[in-house]
Every structure is written in C-alpha cells, then in structure tokens.
Amino acid sequence: MRLDLDKKDLISLVKGTDPNLNVMGDPKIRSCGSYGETHGRWDWNYRAFEGCSEQEIYEVYQLCKNSWK
C-alpha cells in the first residue's frame, strides 16, 4: 500500500504511536516527549515536530513502530 502523507499527517501518525520503553532514551524520541511515571504513559510535546522535516518525523515513527517488535 502506498500513501501520500503530508507533514500534518505524519505528525498525527507519530502522536498516535507510543514508543516502547526500550527506545524512550533515544535522542530522537526523548527530544519529542516524556514518560510520565506517575501515569505510566508517554506524552508527546505539543509542538514537538514543528521544526522537523517530514523525513525526521518519519524516522521517529519508524523507531516507535519497530520498538514493539
């Protein structure tokens, strides 16, 4: 399947995918959000991807997606 995604689509895709604990320390992931231990969940920074290229956002998505394999 091929999709034509713009930057806004990619941001939505990433924000709908939480990273596994094993990649939360990766600089690309860590700079975009934080893990709230009290709630036990990952929270993306609201404006985390504004300065990122589409390629950089896609790389973050790949890290998150592959962290669950």
C-alpha atoms as a PDB file:
ATOM      1  CA  MET A   1       0.000   0.000   0.000  1.00  0.00           C
ATOM      2  CA  ARG A   2       1.270   3.465  -0.851  1.00  0.00           C
ATOM      3  CA  LEU A   3       0.038   6.586   0.880  1.00  0.00           C
ATOM      4  CA  ASP A   4       0.698  10.229   0.166  1.00  0.00           C
ATOM      5  CA  LEU A   5       1.152  11.835   3.583  1.00  0.00           C
ATOM      6  CA  ASP A   6       1.963  15.458   4.266  1.00  0.00           C
ATOM      7  CA  LYS A   7       3.707  16.774   7.387  1.00  0.00           C
ATOM      8  CA  LYS A   8       0.467  17.155   9.335  1.00  0.00           C
ATOM      9  CA  ASP A   9      -0.488  13.554   8.521  1.00  0.00           C
ATOM     10  CA  LEU A  10       2.914  12.284   9.659  1.00  0.00           C
ATOM     11  CA  ILE A  11       2.661  14.170  12.953  1.00  0.00           C
ATOM     12  CA  SER A  12      -0.749  12.615  13.599  1.00  0.00           C
ATOM     13  CA  LEU A  13       0.650   9.197  12.762  1.00  0.00           C
ATOM     14  CA  VAL A  14       3.544   9.573  15.204  1.00  0.00           C
ATOM     15  CA  LYS A  15       1.426  11.011  18.001  1.00  0.00           C
ATOM     16  CA  GLY A  16      -0.871   8.012  17.706  1.00  0.00           C
ATOM     17  CA  THR A  17       2.070   5.658  18.286  1.00  0.00           C
ATOM     18  CA  ASP A  18       3.798   5.479  21.656  1.00  0.00           C
ATOM     19  CA  PRO A  19       7.397   4.274  21.905  1.00  0.00           C
ATOM     20  CA  ASN A  20       8.267   1.171  23.888  1.00  0.00           C
ATOM     21  CA  LEU A  21      10.426   1.691  26.979  1.00  0.00           C
ATOM     22  CA  ASN A  22      13.472   0.328  25.155  1.00  0.00           C
ATOM     23  CA  VAL A  23      13.652   3.361  22.785  1.00  0.00           C
ATOM     24  CA  MET A  24      12.480   6.167  25.066  1.00  0.00           C
ATOM     25  CA  GLY A  25      16.109   7.095  25.715  1.00  0.00           C
ATOM     26  CA  ASP A  26      16.865   7.577  22.014  1.00  0.00           C
ATOM     27  CA  PRO A  27      17.656  11.285  21.418  1.00  0.00           C
ATOM     28  CA  LYS A  28      15.156  11.493  18.537  1.00  0.00           C
ATOM     29  CA  ILE A  29      12.394  10.194  20.804  1.00  0.00           C
ATOM     30  CA  ARG A  30      13.434  11.877  24.054  1.00  0.00           C
ATOM     31  CA  SER A  31      13.512  15.335  22.457  1.00  0.00           C
ATOM     32  CA  CYS A  32       9.867  14.993  21.389  1.00  0.00           C
ATOM     33  CA  GLY A  33       8.177  13.910  24.593  1.00  0.00           C
ATOM     34  CA  SER A  34       8.455  12.379  28.029  1.00  0.00           C
ATOM     35  CA  TYR A  35       7.376   9.366  30.019  1.00  0.00           C
ATOM     36  CA  GLY A  36       5.143  10.172  32.966  1.00  0.00           C
ATOM     37  CA  GLU A  37       5.902   7.527  35.567  1.00  0.00           C
ATOM     38  CA  THR A  38       3.002   8.568  37.764  1.00  0.00           C
ATOM     39  CA  HIS A  39       0.545   7.845  34.951  1.00  0.00           C
ATOM     40  CA  GLY A  40       2.636   5.161  33.252  1.00  0.00           C
ATOM     41  CA  ARG A  41       2.339   6.635  29.792  1.00  0.00           C
ATOM     42  CA  TRP A  42       4.244   8.514  27.107  1.00  0.00           C
ATOM     43  CA  ASP A  43       3.263  12.116  26.353  1.00  0.00           C
ATOM     44  CA  TRP A  44       4.326  13.826  23.138  1.00  0.00           C
ATOM     45  CA  ASN A  45       5.255  17.509  23.408  1.00  0.00           C
ATOM     46  CA  TYR A  46       2.522  19.574  21.768  1.00  0.00           C
ATOM     47  CA  ARG A  47       4.879  21.346  19.340  1.00  0.00           C
ATOM     48  CA  ALA A  48       7.494  18.597  19.176  1.00  0.00           C
ATOM     49  CA  PHE A  49       7.608  18.279  15.401  1.00  0.00           C
ATOM     50  CA  GLU A  50       7.181  21.875  14.207  1.00  0.00           C
ATOM     51  CA  GLY A  51      10.862  22.276  13.350  1.00  0.00           C
ATOM     52  CA  CYS A  52      11.299  18.775  11.930  1.00  0.00           C
ATOM     53  CA  SER A  53      11.368  17.727   8.314  1.00  0.00           C
ATOM     54  CA  GLU A  54       8.979  15.071   7.028  1.00  0.00           C
ATOM     55  CA  GLN A  55      11.909  12.635   6.898  1.00  0.00           C
ATOM     56  CA  GLU A  56      12.790  13.272  10.557  1.00  0.00           C
ATOM     57  CA  ILE A  57       9.175  12.736  11.624  1.00  0.00           C
ATOM     58  CA  TYR A  58       9.030   9.505   9.645  1.00  0.00           C
ATOM     59  CA  GLU A  59      12.237   8.304  11.343  1.00  0.00           C
ATOM     60  CA  VAL A  60      10.643   8.879  14.757  1.00  0.00           C
ATOM     61  CA  TYR A  61       7.592   6.932  13.605  1.00  0.00           C
ATOM     62  CA  GLN A  62       9.785   4.039  12.442  1.00  0.00           C
ATOM     63  CA  LEU A  63      11.605   3.963  15.784  1.00  0.00           C
ATOM     64  CA  CYS A  64       8.307   3.838  17.677  1.00  0.00           C
ATOM     65  CA  LYS A  65       6.720   1.251  15.417  1.00  0.00           C
ATOM     66  CA  ASN A  66       9.729  -1.052  15.402  1.00  0.00           C
ATOM     67  CA  SER A  67      10.212  -0.770  19.164  1.00  0.00           C
ATOM     68  CA  TRP A  68       7.191  -3.021  19.679  1.00  0.00           C
ATOM     69  CA  LYS A  69       8.521  -5.914  17.563  1.00  0.00           C
END
